N, C-alpha and C. Protein backbone atom coordinates (compact mmCIF):
# COMPACT_ATOMS: atom_id res chain seq x y z
N MET A 1 23.57 -9.79 9.07
CA MET A 1 22.25 -9.19 9.43
C MET A 1 22.42 -7.76 9.84
N PRO A 2 21.62 -6.83 9.39
CA PRO A 2 21.73 -5.43 9.79
C PRO A 2 21.35 -5.27 11.30
N ARG A 3 21.82 -4.17 11.84
CA ARG A 3 21.57 -3.93 13.24
C ARG A 3 20.01 -3.68 13.45
N ILE A 4 19.54 -4.34 14.55
CA ILE A 4 18.06 -4.34 14.79
C ILE A 4 17.58 -2.88 15.07
N THR A 5 16.50 -2.56 14.37
CA THR A 5 16.00 -1.19 14.57
C THR A 5 15.11 -1.11 15.86
N PRO A 6 14.99 0.13 16.41
CA PRO A 6 14.16 0.29 17.61
C PRO A 6 12.75 -0.36 17.54
N THR A 7 12.11 -0.19 16.41
CA THR A 7 10.73 -0.70 16.22
C THR A 7 10.72 -2.23 16.33
N VAL A 8 11.67 -2.84 15.65
CA VAL A 8 11.71 -4.33 15.64
C VAL A 8 12.16 -4.82 17.05
N LYS A 9 13.00 -4.09 17.66
CA LYS A 9 13.45 -4.48 18.98
C LYS A 9 12.28 -4.47 19.97
N GLN A 10 11.38 -3.46 19.87
CA GLN A 10 10.22 -3.43 20.71
C GLN A 10 9.28 -4.57 20.45
N ILE A 11 9.13 -4.96 19.18
CA ILE A 11 8.27 -6.12 18.86
C ILE A 11 8.88 -7.36 19.47
N LEU A 12 10.18 -7.58 19.32
CA LEU A 12 10.85 -8.76 19.82
C LEU A 12 10.71 -8.84 21.31
N ILE A 13 10.94 -7.71 21.99
CA ILE A 13 10.87 -7.70 23.51
C ILE A 13 9.44 -8.04 23.94
N GLY A 14 8.42 -7.51 23.21
CA GLY A 14 7.09 -7.84 23.53
C GLY A 14 6.76 -9.30 23.40
N LEU A 15 7.20 -9.90 22.31
CA LEU A 15 6.95 -11.33 22.04
C LEU A 15 7.68 -12.20 23.06
N PHE A 16 8.91 -11.85 23.40
CA PHE A 16 9.66 -12.60 24.33
C PHE A 16 9.07 -12.52 25.72
N ALA A 17 8.70 -11.30 26.17
CA ALA A 17 8.04 -11.10 27.48
C ALA A 17 6.75 -11.89 27.58
N ALA A 18 5.95 -11.90 26.52
CA ALA A 18 4.70 -12.63 26.57
C ALA A 18 4.93 -14.14 26.62
N TYR A 19 6.05 -14.65 25.91
CA TYR A 19 6.35 -16.06 26.02
C TYR A 19 6.76 -16.47 27.42
N VAL A 20 7.64 -15.68 28.03
CA VAL A 20 8.11 -16.00 29.39
C VAL A 20 6.94 -15.92 30.36
N ALA A 21 6.04 -14.90 30.19
CA ALA A 21 4.89 -14.76 31.09
C ALA A 21 4.04 -16.02 30.95
N GLN A 22 3.79 -16.50 29.79
CA GLN A 22 2.98 -17.67 29.61
C GLN A 22 3.64 -18.87 30.28
N LEU A 23 4.96 -19.05 30.17
CA LEU A 23 5.62 -20.18 30.89
C LEU A 23 5.42 -20.13 32.36
N ILE A 24 5.56 -18.90 32.93
CA ILE A 24 5.45 -18.79 34.34
C ILE A 24 4.04 -19.01 34.84
N LEU A 25 3.08 -18.37 34.09
CA LEU A 25 1.66 -18.52 34.50
C LEU A 25 1.19 -19.89 34.44
N GLU A 26 1.58 -20.62 33.33
CA GLU A 26 0.96 -21.96 33.14
C GLU A 26 1.74 -23.08 33.89
N ASN A 27 3.11 -22.99 33.94
CA ASN A 27 3.91 -24.04 34.51
C ASN A 27 4.13 -23.90 35.97
N TRP A 28 4.02 -22.65 36.48
CA TRP A 28 4.33 -22.44 37.89
C TRP A 28 3.14 -21.96 38.75
N LEU A 29 2.20 -21.19 38.09
CA LEU A 29 1.08 -20.66 38.85
C LEU A 29 -0.25 -21.38 38.42
N ASP A 30 -0.20 -22.29 37.44
CA ASP A 30 -1.35 -23.05 37.04
C ASP A 30 -2.45 -22.13 36.51
N VAL A 31 -2.06 -21.02 35.88
CA VAL A 31 -3.01 -20.11 35.30
C VAL A 31 -3.07 -20.30 33.75
N ARG A 32 -4.18 -20.90 33.24
CA ARG A 32 -4.20 -21.25 31.84
C ARG A 32 -4.63 -20.07 30.94
N VAL A 33 -3.62 -19.55 30.19
CA VAL A 33 -3.84 -18.37 29.32
C VAL A 33 -3.82 -18.81 27.86
N PHE A 34 -3.19 -19.97 27.57
CA PHE A 34 -3.02 -20.34 26.17
C PHE A 34 -4.35 -20.54 25.48
N GLY A 35 -5.28 -21.23 26.12
CA GLY A 35 -6.57 -21.45 25.41
C GLY A 35 -7.38 -20.23 25.28
N TRP A 36 -7.10 -19.11 25.98
CA TRP A 36 -7.82 -17.89 25.90
C TRP A 36 -7.26 -17.01 24.83
N LEU A 37 -5.96 -17.15 24.56
CA LEU A 37 -5.26 -16.33 23.62
C LEU A 37 -5.00 -16.96 22.31
N ALA A 38 -4.70 -18.24 22.25
CA ALA A 38 -4.51 -18.93 20.96
C ALA A 38 -5.72 -18.92 20.16
N MET A 39 -5.56 -18.93 18.84
CA MET A 39 -6.78 -18.88 17.95
C MET A 39 -7.27 -20.26 17.72
N THR A 40 -8.59 -20.48 18.13
CA THR A 40 -9.25 -21.73 17.91
C THR A 40 -10.09 -21.61 16.64
N PRO A 41 -9.80 -22.38 15.59
CA PRO A 41 -10.58 -22.28 14.39
C PRO A 41 -12.06 -22.40 14.52
N GLY A 42 -12.84 -21.44 14.03
CA GLY A 42 -14.23 -21.45 14.11
C GLY A 42 -14.80 -21.01 15.47
N ALA A 43 -14.01 -20.68 16.41
CA ALA A 43 -14.52 -20.24 17.73
C ALA A 43 -14.92 -18.71 17.62
N LEU A 44 -15.97 -18.26 18.28
CA LEU A 44 -16.39 -16.95 18.29
C LEU A 44 -15.70 -16.08 19.34
N MET A 45 -14.36 -15.96 19.21
CA MET A 45 -13.57 -15.14 20.08
C MET A 45 -12.62 -14.31 19.19
N PRO A 46 -13.15 -13.13 18.73
CA PRO A 46 -12.44 -12.40 17.76
C PRO A 46 -11.04 -11.90 18.09
N TRP A 47 -10.85 -11.64 19.43
CA TRP A 47 -9.51 -11.12 19.84
C TRP A 47 -8.41 -12.13 19.51
N GLN A 48 -8.78 -13.41 19.42
CA GLN A 48 -7.73 -14.44 19.12
C GLN A 48 -7.13 -14.33 17.77
N LEU A 49 -7.84 -13.55 16.87
CA LEU A 49 -7.24 -13.33 15.54
C LEU A 49 -5.91 -12.59 15.57
N VAL A 50 -5.62 -11.97 16.66
CA VAL A 50 -4.37 -11.20 16.84
C VAL A 50 -3.59 -11.68 18.02
N THR A 51 -4.26 -12.06 19.10
CA THR A 51 -3.48 -12.44 20.32
C THR A 51 -2.79 -13.78 20.18
N TYR A 52 -3.02 -14.51 19.18
CA TYR A 52 -2.38 -15.86 19.10
C TYR A 52 -0.87 -15.73 18.88
N VAL A 53 -0.40 -14.62 18.40
CA VAL A 53 1.06 -14.42 18.22
C VAL A 53 1.78 -14.28 19.58
N LEU A 54 1.09 -14.08 20.60
CA LEU A 54 1.66 -13.83 22.02
C LEU A 54 1.86 -15.13 22.76
N VAL A 55 1.35 -16.23 22.34
CA VAL A 55 1.49 -17.55 22.99
C VAL A 55 2.11 -18.56 22.17
N ASP A 56 2.87 -19.43 22.72
CA ASP A 56 3.57 -20.42 21.90
C ASP A 56 3.80 -21.68 22.76
N LYS A 57 3.68 -22.84 22.09
CA LYS A 57 3.95 -24.13 22.77
C LYS A 57 5.32 -24.72 22.42
N SER A 58 6.09 -23.98 21.61
CA SER A 58 7.36 -24.48 21.19
C SER A 58 8.38 -24.46 22.30
N ASN A 59 9.44 -25.28 22.17
CA ASN A 59 10.50 -25.17 23.17
C ASN A 59 11.26 -23.91 22.99
N PRO A 60 11.96 -23.43 24.04
CA PRO A 60 12.62 -22.09 23.99
C PRO A 60 13.58 -21.98 22.85
N ILE A 61 14.34 -22.97 22.50
CA ILE A 61 15.35 -22.89 21.41
C ILE A 61 14.67 -22.57 20.06
N PHE A 62 13.58 -23.33 19.77
CA PHE A 62 12.84 -23.08 18.52
C PHE A 62 12.19 -21.67 18.50
N PHE A 63 11.66 -21.29 19.68
CA PHE A 63 11.03 -19.96 19.78
C PHE A 63 12.09 -18.86 19.53
N LEU A 64 13.28 -18.99 20.16
CA LEU A 64 14.28 -17.97 19.97
C LEU A 64 14.80 -17.91 18.50
N LEU A 65 14.87 -19.07 17.84
CA LEU A 65 15.22 -19.08 16.41
C LEU A 65 14.15 -18.35 15.58
N THR A 66 12.88 -18.49 15.91
CA THR A 66 11.79 -17.79 15.20
C THR A 66 12.03 -16.29 15.39
N LEU A 67 12.33 -15.90 16.65
CA LEU A 67 12.58 -14.41 16.88
C LEU A 67 13.78 -13.96 16.08
N LEU A 68 14.85 -14.81 15.92
CA LEU A 68 16.04 -14.40 15.20
C LEU A 68 15.68 -14.18 13.74
N PHE A 69 14.85 -15.03 13.15
CA PHE A 69 14.38 -14.84 11.74
C PHE A 69 13.54 -13.61 11.59
N ILE A 70 12.65 -13.35 12.58
CA ILE A 70 11.84 -12.17 12.51
C ILE A 70 12.70 -10.90 12.56
N ALA A 71 13.69 -10.89 13.45
CA ALA A 71 14.53 -9.75 13.54
C ALA A 71 15.23 -9.48 12.20
N TRP A 72 15.68 -10.57 11.59
CA TRP A 72 16.37 -10.44 10.26
C TRP A 72 15.48 -9.82 9.17
N THR A 73 14.28 -10.39 9.03
CA THR A 73 13.37 -9.97 7.95
C THR A 73 12.70 -8.68 8.20
N LEU A 74 12.20 -8.42 9.38
CA LEU A 74 11.52 -7.18 9.73
C LEU A 74 12.49 -5.99 9.77
N THR A 75 13.72 -6.21 10.23
CA THR A 75 14.70 -5.09 10.24
C THR A 75 15.03 -4.69 8.79
N THR A 76 15.19 -5.64 7.92
CA THR A 76 15.43 -5.28 6.56
C THR A 76 14.29 -4.47 5.99
N PHE A 77 13.03 -4.78 6.32
CA PHE A 77 11.92 -4.02 5.80
C PHE A 77 11.82 -2.65 6.52
N ASP A 78 12.05 -2.58 7.87
CA ASP A 78 11.99 -1.35 8.56
C ASP A 78 12.98 -0.31 8.16
N LEU A 79 14.19 -0.77 7.81
CA LEU A 79 15.21 0.19 7.36
C LEU A 79 14.80 0.86 6.07
N THR A 80 13.94 0.29 5.27
CA THR A 80 13.57 0.85 4.02
C THR A 80 12.26 1.71 4.17
N PHE A 81 11.32 1.16 4.90
CA PHE A 81 9.91 1.76 4.96
C PHE A 81 9.53 2.47 6.24
N GLY A 82 10.36 2.25 7.30
CA GLY A 82 10.00 2.97 8.50
C GLY A 82 9.03 2.27 9.49
N ARG A 83 8.87 2.91 10.63
CA ARG A 83 8.10 2.32 11.67
C ARG A 83 6.60 2.07 11.36
N LYS A 84 5.98 3.10 10.70
CA LYS A 84 4.51 2.96 10.42
C LYS A 84 4.22 1.74 9.51
N ARG A 85 5.00 1.61 8.48
CA ARG A 85 4.76 0.55 7.61
C ARG A 85 5.10 -0.84 8.20
N THR A 86 6.12 -0.85 9.08
CA THR A 86 6.49 -2.11 9.76
C THR A 86 5.38 -2.60 10.67
N LEU A 87 4.77 -1.69 11.38
CA LEU A 87 3.64 -2.02 12.24
C LEU A 87 2.45 -2.50 11.47
N GLN A 88 2.17 -1.79 10.32
CA GLN A 88 1.06 -2.19 9.45
C GLN A 88 1.30 -3.54 8.85
N LEU A 89 2.54 -3.82 8.47
CA LEU A 89 2.81 -5.18 7.93
C LEU A 89 2.63 -6.25 8.97
N SER A 90 3.05 -6.03 10.18
CA SER A 90 2.91 -6.99 11.25
C SER A 90 1.48 -7.33 11.53
N VAL A 91 0.63 -6.32 11.67
CA VAL A 91 -0.79 -6.58 11.95
C VAL A 91 -1.43 -7.27 10.75
N PHE A 92 -1.15 -6.85 9.48
CA PHE A 92 -1.72 -7.34 8.34
C PHE A 92 -1.32 -8.82 8.11
N ALA A 93 -0.07 -9.16 8.33
CA ALA A 93 0.41 -10.52 8.24
C ALA A 93 -0.29 -11.43 9.27
N ALA A 94 -0.39 -10.93 10.48
CA ALA A 94 -1.09 -11.72 11.53
C ALA A 94 -2.52 -12.04 11.13
N LEU A 95 -3.21 -11.08 10.59
CA LEU A 95 -4.64 -11.30 10.24
C LEU A 95 -4.76 -12.18 8.94
N CYS A 96 -3.78 -12.03 8.06
CA CYS A 96 -3.84 -12.82 6.80
C CYS A 96 -3.56 -14.33 7.14
N ALA A 97 -2.88 -14.56 8.21
CA ALA A 97 -2.69 -15.99 8.67
C ALA A 97 -3.85 -16.52 9.46
N SER A 98 -4.35 -15.68 10.33
CA SER A 98 -5.47 -16.20 11.25
C SER A 98 -6.81 -16.27 10.68
N VAL A 99 -7.16 -15.29 9.79
CA VAL A 99 -8.54 -15.27 9.28
C VAL A 99 -8.88 -16.49 8.45
N PRO A 100 -7.99 -16.79 7.40
CA PRO A 100 -8.27 -18.12 6.69
C PRO A 100 -8.27 -19.36 7.53
N ALA A 101 -7.37 -19.39 8.52
CA ALA A 101 -7.36 -20.53 9.40
C ALA A 101 -8.62 -20.61 10.27
N TRP A 102 -9.14 -19.42 10.66
CA TRP A 102 -10.33 -19.45 11.45
C TRP A 102 -11.56 -19.86 10.64
N ILE A 103 -11.60 -19.42 9.32
CA ILE A 103 -12.72 -19.82 8.49
C ILE A 103 -12.70 -21.27 8.23
N ALA A 104 -11.44 -21.82 8.10
CA ALA A 104 -11.31 -23.28 7.75
C ALA A 104 -11.86 -24.16 8.93
N GLY A 105 -11.91 -23.56 10.11
CA GLY A 105 -12.48 -24.29 11.25
C GLY A 105 -13.89 -24.71 11.08
N PHE A 106 -14.66 -24.03 10.21
CA PHE A 106 -16.04 -24.45 9.94
C PHE A 106 -16.14 -25.65 9.10
N VAL A 107 -15.03 -25.94 8.38
CA VAL A 107 -15.00 -27.07 7.47
C VAL A 107 -14.19 -28.20 7.96
N LEU A 108 -13.04 -27.91 8.64
CA LEU A 108 -12.21 -28.92 9.18
C LEU A 108 -12.55 -29.20 10.65
N GLU A 109 -13.21 -30.23 10.91
CA GLU A 109 -13.66 -30.53 12.25
C GLU A 109 -12.42 -30.94 13.14
N GLY A 110 -12.35 -30.35 14.31
CA GLY A 110 -11.19 -30.59 15.23
C GLY A 110 -9.82 -30.07 14.80
N ALA A 111 -9.86 -28.96 13.99
CA ALA A 111 -8.61 -28.35 13.58
C ALA A 111 -7.84 -27.87 14.79
N PRO A 112 -6.50 -28.09 14.86
CA PRO A 112 -5.77 -27.63 16.00
C PRO A 112 -5.73 -26.08 16.08
N PRO A 113 -5.42 -25.52 17.31
CA PRO A 113 -5.32 -24.07 17.44
C PRO A 113 -4.07 -23.52 16.77
N LEU A 114 -4.14 -22.25 16.48
CA LEU A 114 -3.09 -21.52 15.86
C LEU A 114 -2.38 -20.64 16.92
N PHE A 115 -1.03 -20.73 17.02
CA PHE A 115 -0.37 -20.02 18.02
C PHE A 115 1.07 -19.64 17.46
N GLY A 116 1.71 -18.75 18.12
CA GLY A 116 3.15 -18.41 17.74
C GLY A 116 3.22 -17.26 16.83
N PRO A 117 4.42 -16.60 16.76
CA PRO A 117 4.60 -15.36 15.98
C PRO A 117 5.14 -15.63 14.55
N SER A 118 5.07 -16.86 14.05
CA SER A 118 5.68 -17.16 12.81
C SER A 118 5.02 -16.43 11.64
N ALA A 119 3.77 -15.92 11.80
CA ALA A 119 3.11 -15.21 10.73
C ALA A 119 3.90 -13.91 10.46
N LEU A 120 4.48 -13.29 11.44
CA LEU A 120 5.35 -12.10 11.26
C LEU A 120 6.56 -12.40 10.35
N LEU A 121 7.11 -13.63 10.58
CA LEU A 121 8.24 -14.04 9.79
C LEU A 121 7.83 -14.27 8.32
N TYR A 122 6.82 -15.08 8.13
CA TYR A 122 6.33 -15.39 6.77
C TYR A 122 5.82 -14.19 6.02
N GLY A 123 5.10 -13.30 6.68
CA GLY A 123 4.64 -12.15 6.03
C GLY A 123 5.76 -11.16 5.64
N SER A 124 6.73 -10.94 6.52
CA SER A 124 7.82 -10.00 6.21
C SER A 124 8.77 -10.59 5.16
N ILE A 125 9.04 -11.95 5.20
CA ILE A 125 9.96 -12.47 4.22
C ILE A 125 9.26 -12.42 2.79
N ALA A 126 7.94 -12.65 2.78
CA ALA A 126 7.30 -12.55 1.49
C ALA A 126 7.24 -11.16 0.95
N THR A 127 7.08 -10.19 1.81
CA THR A 127 7.04 -8.77 1.35
C THR A 127 8.41 -8.36 0.80
N VAL A 128 9.46 -8.62 1.61
CA VAL A 128 10.80 -8.24 1.19
C VAL A 128 11.20 -8.93 -0.08
N SER A 129 10.93 -10.17 -0.18
CA SER A 129 11.32 -11.02 -1.35
C SER A 129 10.56 -10.55 -2.59
N TRP A 130 9.30 -10.28 -2.52
CA TRP A 130 8.47 -9.90 -3.66
C TRP A 130 8.78 -8.54 -4.20
N LEU A 131 9.27 -7.62 -3.33
CA LEU A 131 9.57 -6.30 -3.84
C LEU A 131 10.71 -6.34 -4.80
N ASP A 132 11.66 -7.20 -4.63
CA ASP A 132 12.84 -7.31 -5.49
C ASP A 132 13.18 -8.76 -5.61
N ARG A 133 12.40 -9.47 -6.46
CA ARG A 133 12.48 -10.95 -6.55
C ARG A 133 13.83 -11.46 -7.08
N HIS A 134 14.52 -10.69 -7.83
CA HIS A 134 15.79 -11.16 -8.48
C HIS A 134 17.05 -10.70 -7.73
N ARG A 135 16.82 -10.08 -6.60
CA ARG A 135 17.92 -9.58 -5.81
C ARG A 135 18.63 -10.75 -5.22
N PRO A 136 19.99 -10.80 -5.23
CA PRO A 136 20.70 -11.93 -4.58
C PRO A 136 20.69 -11.72 -3.01
N VAL A 137 20.50 -12.80 -2.35
CA VAL A 137 20.43 -12.73 -0.89
C VAL A 137 21.31 -13.91 -0.37
N SER A 138 21.65 -13.78 0.94
CA SER A 138 22.40 -14.81 1.58
C SER A 138 21.68 -15.31 2.75
N PHE A 139 21.31 -16.59 2.78
CA PHE A 139 20.49 -17.16 3.86
C PHE A 139 21.43 -17.33 5.06
N PHE A 140 21.59 -16.29 5.85
CA PHE A 140 22.46 -16.27 7.00
C PHE A 140 23.92 -16.69 6.63
N GLY A 141 24.34 -16.17 5.44
CA GLY A 141 25.69 -16.43 5.03
C GLY A 141 26.02 -17.88 4.63
N VAL A 142 24.95 -18.72 4.52
CA VAL A 142 25.18 -20.12 4.22
C VAL A 142 24.84 -20.46 2.79
N LEU A 143 23.60 -20.11 2.35
CA LEU A 143 23.13 -20.49 1.02
C LEU A 143 22.84 -19.22 0.18
N PRO A 144 23.67 -18.95 -0.84
CA PRO A 144 23.41 -17.86 -1.68
C PRO A 144 22.25 -18.18 -2.67
N MET A 145 21.31 -17.25 -2.82
CA MET A 145 20.16 -17.49 -3.68
C MET A 145 19.53 -16.17 -4.00
N THR A 146 18.52 -16.20 -4.83
CA THR A 146 17.77 -14.98 -5.12
C THR A 146 16.57 -14.87 -4.13
N ALA A 147 16.10 -13.70 -4.07
CA ALA A 147 14.92 -13.42 -3.17
C ALA A 147 13.78 -14.31 -3.52
N GLN A 148 13.50 -14.47 -4.77
CA GLN A 148 12.41 -15.35 -5.19
C GLN A 148 12.63 -16.80 -4.74
N GLN A 149 13.85 -17.32 -4.80
CA GLN A 149 14.15 -18.66 -4.42
C GLN A 149 14.02 -18.80 -2.88
N LEU A 150 14.32 -17.73 -2.16
CA LEU A 150 14.08 -17.73 -0.70
C LEU A 150 12.66 -17.83 -0.39
N LEU A 151 11.82 -17.17 -1.15
CA LEU A 151 10.38 -17.21 -0.88
C LEU A 151 9.86 -18.59 -1.16
N LEU A 152 10.34 -19.21 -2.24
CA LEU A 152 9.92 -20.56 -2.57
C LEU A 152 10.40 -21.55 -1.52
N LEU A 153 11.53 -21.31 -0.91
CA LEU A 153 12.07 -22.14 0.20
C LEU A 153 11.08 -22.09 1.36
N PHE A 154 10.53 -21.00 1.70
CA PHE A 154 9.62 -20.88 2.83
C PHE A 154 8.30 -21.58 2.47
N VAL A 155 7.88 -21.54 1.23
CA VAL A 155 6.74 -22.21 0.80
C VAL A 155 6.97 -23.71 0.98
N GLY A 156 8.12 -24.18 0.58
CA GLY A 156 8.44 -25.62 0.78
C GLY A 156 8.53 -26.07 2.14
N LEU A 157 9.08 -25.18 3.02
CA LEU A 157 9.14 -25.56 4.43
C LEU A 157 7.74 -25.67 5.06
N SER A 158 6.85 -24.79 4.62
CA SER A 158 5.44 -24.95 5.11
C SER A 158 4.84 -26.22 4.77
N VAL A 159 5.08 -26.67 3.56
CA VAL A 159 4.50 -27.94 3.10
C VAL A 159 5.20 -29.11 3.84
N LEU A 160 6.48 -28.94 4.01
CA LEU A 160 7.27 -30.00 4.73
C LEU A 160 6.78 -30.13 6.21
N PHE A 161 6.52 -29.01 6.83
CA PHE A 161 6.00 -29.07 8.22
C PHE A 161 4.66 -29.81 8.24
N PHE A 162 3.81 -29.57 7.28
CA PHE A 162 2.50 -30.16 7.21
C PHE A 162 2.64 -31.66 7.01
N ILE A 163 3.61 -32.11 6.13
CA ILE A 163 3.81 -33.51 5.94
C ILE A 163 4.28 -34.19 7.20
N ALA A 164 5.01 -33.46 8.03
CA ALA A 164 5.58 -34.02 9.26
C ALA A 164 4.52 -34.09 10.32
N ASP A 165 3.71 -33.06 10.49
CA ASP A 165 2.78 -33.06 11.72
C ASP A 165 1.30 -33.07 11.36
N LYS A 166 0.96 -32.96 10.03
CA LYS A 166 -0.43 -32.99 9.58
C LYS A 166 -1.28 -31.84 10.22
N ASN A 167 -0.59 -30.77 10.51
CA ASN A 167 -1.34 -29.58 11.14
C ASN A 167 -1.83 -28.70 10.02
N GLU A 168 -3.09 -28.85 9.59
CA GLU A 168 -3.64 -28.08 8.52
C GLU A 168 -3.81 -26.66 8.92
N THR A 169 -4.04 -26.39 10.21
CA THR A 169 -4.21 -24.97 10.62
C THR A 169 -2.90 -24.19 10.38
N ARG A 170 -1.78 -24.75 10.71
CA ARG A 170 -0.53 -24.01 10.51
C ARG A 170 -0.19 -23.91 9.04
N LEU A 171 -0.59 -24.87 8.25
CA LEU A 171 -0.29 -24.78 6.79
C LEU A 171 -1.09 -23.64 6.12
N ILE A 172 -2.37 -23.61 6.57
CA ILE A 172 -3.19 -22.48 5.98
C ILE A 172 -2.70 -21.18 6.49
N ALA A 173 -2.32 -21.07 7.70
CA ALA A 173 -1.82 -19.81 8.27
C ALA A 173 -0.55 -19.40 7.64
N ASP A 174 0.39 -20.30 7.44
CA ASP A 174 1.66 -19.93 6.79
C ASP A 174 1.46 -19.49 5.33
N LEU A 175 0.66 -20.14 4.62
CA LEU A 175 0.33 -19.76 3.24
C LEU A 175 -0.41 -18.46 3.18
N GLY A 176 -1.29 -18.23 4.16
CA GLY A 176 -2.03 -16.97 4.25
C GLY A 176 -1.07 -15.82 4.51
N ALA A 177 -0.15 -16.01 5.41
CA ALA A 177 0.86 -14.92 5.74
C ALA A 177 1.72 -14.67 4.49
N LEU A 178 2.14 -15.70 3.79
CA LEU A 178 2.96 -15.46 2.65
C LEU A 178 2.19 -14.78 1.54
N GLY A 179 0.91 -15.07 1.35
CA GLY A 179 0.07 -14.42 0.39
C GLY A 179 -0.14 -12.92 0.86
N GLY A 180 -0.40 -12.79 2.09
CA GLY A 180 -0.53 -11.41 2.61
C GLY A 180 0.68 -10.53 2.40
N GLY A 181 1.85 -11.10 2.60
CA GLY A 181 3.10 -10.37 2.37
C GLY A 181 3.25 -9.97 0.94
N ILE A 182 2.87 -10.80 -0.01
CA ILE A 182 2.94 -10.45 -1.43
C ILE A 182 1.94 -9.37 -1.71
N ALA A 183 0.70 -9.45 -1.17
CA ALA A 183 -0.32 -8.44 -1.38
C ALA A 183 0.17 -7.04 -0.84
N PHE A 184 0.81 -7.13 0.33
CA PHE A 184 1.32 -5.88 0.94
C PHE A 184 2.43 -5.25 0.12
N ALA A 185 3.28 -6.09 -0.50
CA ALA A 185 4.32 -5.57 -1.44
C ALA A 185 3.72 -4.93 -2.62
N ASN A 186 2.69 -5.54 -3.18
CA ASN A 186 2.04 -4.96 -4.35
C ASN A 186 1.35 -3.64 -3.93
N TRP A 187 0.80 -3.53 -2.82
CA TRP A 187 0.18 -2.29 -2.32
C TRP A 187 1.25 -1.21 -2.15
N LEU A 188 2.45 -1.58 -1.73
CA LEU A 188 3.53 -0.57 -1.49
C LEU A 188 3.99 -0.04 -2.93
N ARG A 189 3.91 -0.88 -3.89
CA ARG A 189 4.34 -0.46 -5.22
C ARG A 189 3.42 0.54 -5.90
N LYS A 190 2.18 0.60 -5.49
CA LYS A 190 1.24 1.52 -6.11
C LYS A 190 1.61 2.91 -5.94
N PRO A 191 1.58 3.73 -6.97
CA PRO A 191 1.93 5.15 -6.76
C PRO A 191 0.99 5.86 -5.93
N ARG A 192 1.51 6.72 -5.06
CA ARG A 192 0.66 7.46 -4.16
C ARG A 192 0.32 8.82 -4.79
N GLN A 193 -1.03 9.14 -4.76
CA GLN A 193 -1.45 10.41 -5.28
C GLN A 193 -1.17 11.50 -4.25
N PRO A 194 -0.62 12.59 -4.72
CA PRO A 194 -0.32 13.67 -3.74
C PRO A 194 -1.59 14.26 -3.16
N LYS A 195 -1.57 14.60 -1.95
CA LYS A 195 -2.75 15.15 -1.37
C LYS A 195 -3.03 16.60 -1.87
N LYS A 196 -4.31 16.82 -2.20
CA LYS A 196 -4.68 18.14 -2.74
C LYS A 196 -4.68 19.12 -1.56
N PRO A 197 -4.14 20.29 -1.87
CA PRO A 197 -4.20 21.34 -0.80
C PRO A 197 -5.66 21.73 -0.46
N PRO A 198 -5.90 22.05 0.74
CA PRO A 198 -7.28 22.42 1.09
C PRO A 198 -7.76 23.66 0.30
N GLU A 199 -8.93 23.65 -0.23
CA GLU A 199 -9.45 24.78 -0.94
C GLU A 199 -9.77 25.93 -0.03
N ARG A 200 -9.37 27.09 -0.47
CA ARG A 200 -9.67 28.32 0.29
C ARG A 200 -11.12 28.74 0.06
N LYS A 201 -11.72 29.15 1.13
CA LYS A 201 -13.12 29.65 1.01
C LYS A 201 -13.18 30.97 0.38
N LYS A 202 -14.12 31.05 -0.56
CA LYS A 202 -14.23 32.32 -1.33
C LYS A 202 -14.81 33.33 -0.39
N ALA A 203 -14.24 34.64 -0.45
CA ALA A 203 -14.65 35.65 0.32
C ALA A 203 -16.07 36.09 0.01
N ARG A 204 -16.89 36.39 1.00
CA ARG A 204 -18.25 36.75 0.73
C ARG A 204 -18.32 38.18 0.13
N ALA A 205 -19.20 38.35 -0.84
CA ALA A 205 -19.32 39.65 -1.41
C ALA A 205 -19.94 40.64 -0.48
N SER A 206 -19.34 41.82 -0.36
CA SER A 206 -19.84 42.91 0.55
C SER A 206 -21.01 43.60 -0.06
N GLY A 207 -21.69 44.36 0.66
CA GLY A 207 -22.86 45.12 0.14
C GLY A 207 -22.50 46.48 -0.54
N PHE A 208 -21.22 46.74 -0.63
CA PHE A 208 -20.81 48.06 -1.21
C PHE A 208 -20.39 47.73 -2.71
N LYS A 209 -20.72 48.65 -3.59
CA LYS A 209 -20.33 48.59 -4.92
C LYS A 209 -19.23 49.57 -5.23
N VAL A 210 -18.31 49.24 -6.11
CA VAL A 210 -17.22 50.21 -6.45
C VAL A 210 -17.69 51.02 -7.63
N ILE A 211 -17.63 52.32 -7.50
CA ILE A 211 -17.98 53.19 -8.56
C ILE A 211 -16.75 53.65 -9.29
N GLN A 212 -16.66 53.46 -10.53
CA GLN A 212 -15.51 53.83 -11.36
C GLN A 212 -15.29 55.35 -11.25
N GLY A 213 -14.13 55.71 -10.91
CA GLY A 213 -13.71 57.13 -10.72
C GLY A 213 -13.23 57.73 -12.07
N GLY A 214 -12.76 58.91 -11.99
CA GLY A 214 -12.18 59.63 -13.09
C GLY A 214 -13.25 60.39 -13.94
N GLN A 215 -14.51 60.51 -13.39
CA GLN A 215 -15.55 61.34 -14.12
C GLN A 215 -15.27 62.81 -14.00
N PRO A 216 -15.57 63.58 -15.00
CA PRO A 216 -15.38 64.99 -14.93
C PRO A 216 -16.27 65.62 -13.88
N ASP A 217 -15.83 66.69 -13.26
CA ASP A 217 -16.55 67.28 -12.13
C ASP A 217 -17.89 67.83 -12.56
N ASP A 218 -17.91 68.40 -13.84
CA ASP A 218 -19.20 68.95 -14.24
C ASP A 218 -20.31 67.92 -14.40
N LYS A 219 -19.97 66.71 -14.78
CA LYS A 219 -20.92 65.61 -14.91
C LYS A 219 -21.43 65.17 -13.55
N MET A 220 -20.58 65.30 -12.53
CA MET A 220 -20.95 64.95 -11.21
C MET A 220 -22.02 65.91 -10.63
N LEU A 221 -21.94 67.17 -11.13
CA LEU A 221 -22.83 68.19 -10.64
C LEU A 221 -24.24 68.02 -11.18
N HIS A 222 -24.36 67.52 -12.44
CA HIS A 222 -25.62 67.31 -12.98
C HIS A 222 -26.17 65.97 -12.62
């Protein structure tokens, strides 16, 4: 895995600090923040469409593994496209996961809440894989495969998780983040039109007229 970039390091520190703060607030101070920040499908609390990535009910080992995968995929993207695009991808992936799951709440009665930063993982892995689908990759040095096969592996994992826990909210969110990552990759591929230089303002015509010179002196006298 490449060395973690400063942008990705800041994202990981923020996610880890929020996770620890949630554990302390809820387990030791009895301050309930999960229900306020996690995304409840169909609920009219729009901030939850983004804040759900800050709270998690997973055990610390699983949460740290998720951060490890995020570090791997986001760093690969950040090294190529830079800080601005990395932040754009993170926000876009989070929304592509939460918005479909929120809309599904109007149809699926009693759908479980959405929480955790896995949307950043699914969105970034889809973007990196879709940009160069036939590139050989190594799944943490264990399984050699192409980038397209890695993407299909994460689709299969999402379905497998759903079979295990019947959590339709997470399935919709995972597939939404994967689709958002592919859409973001296609957007990056579009050629950028160069910005036109600003047009200069035309100088205002003065009230003086230029008289052509070179006339003979005798004509000037008449």
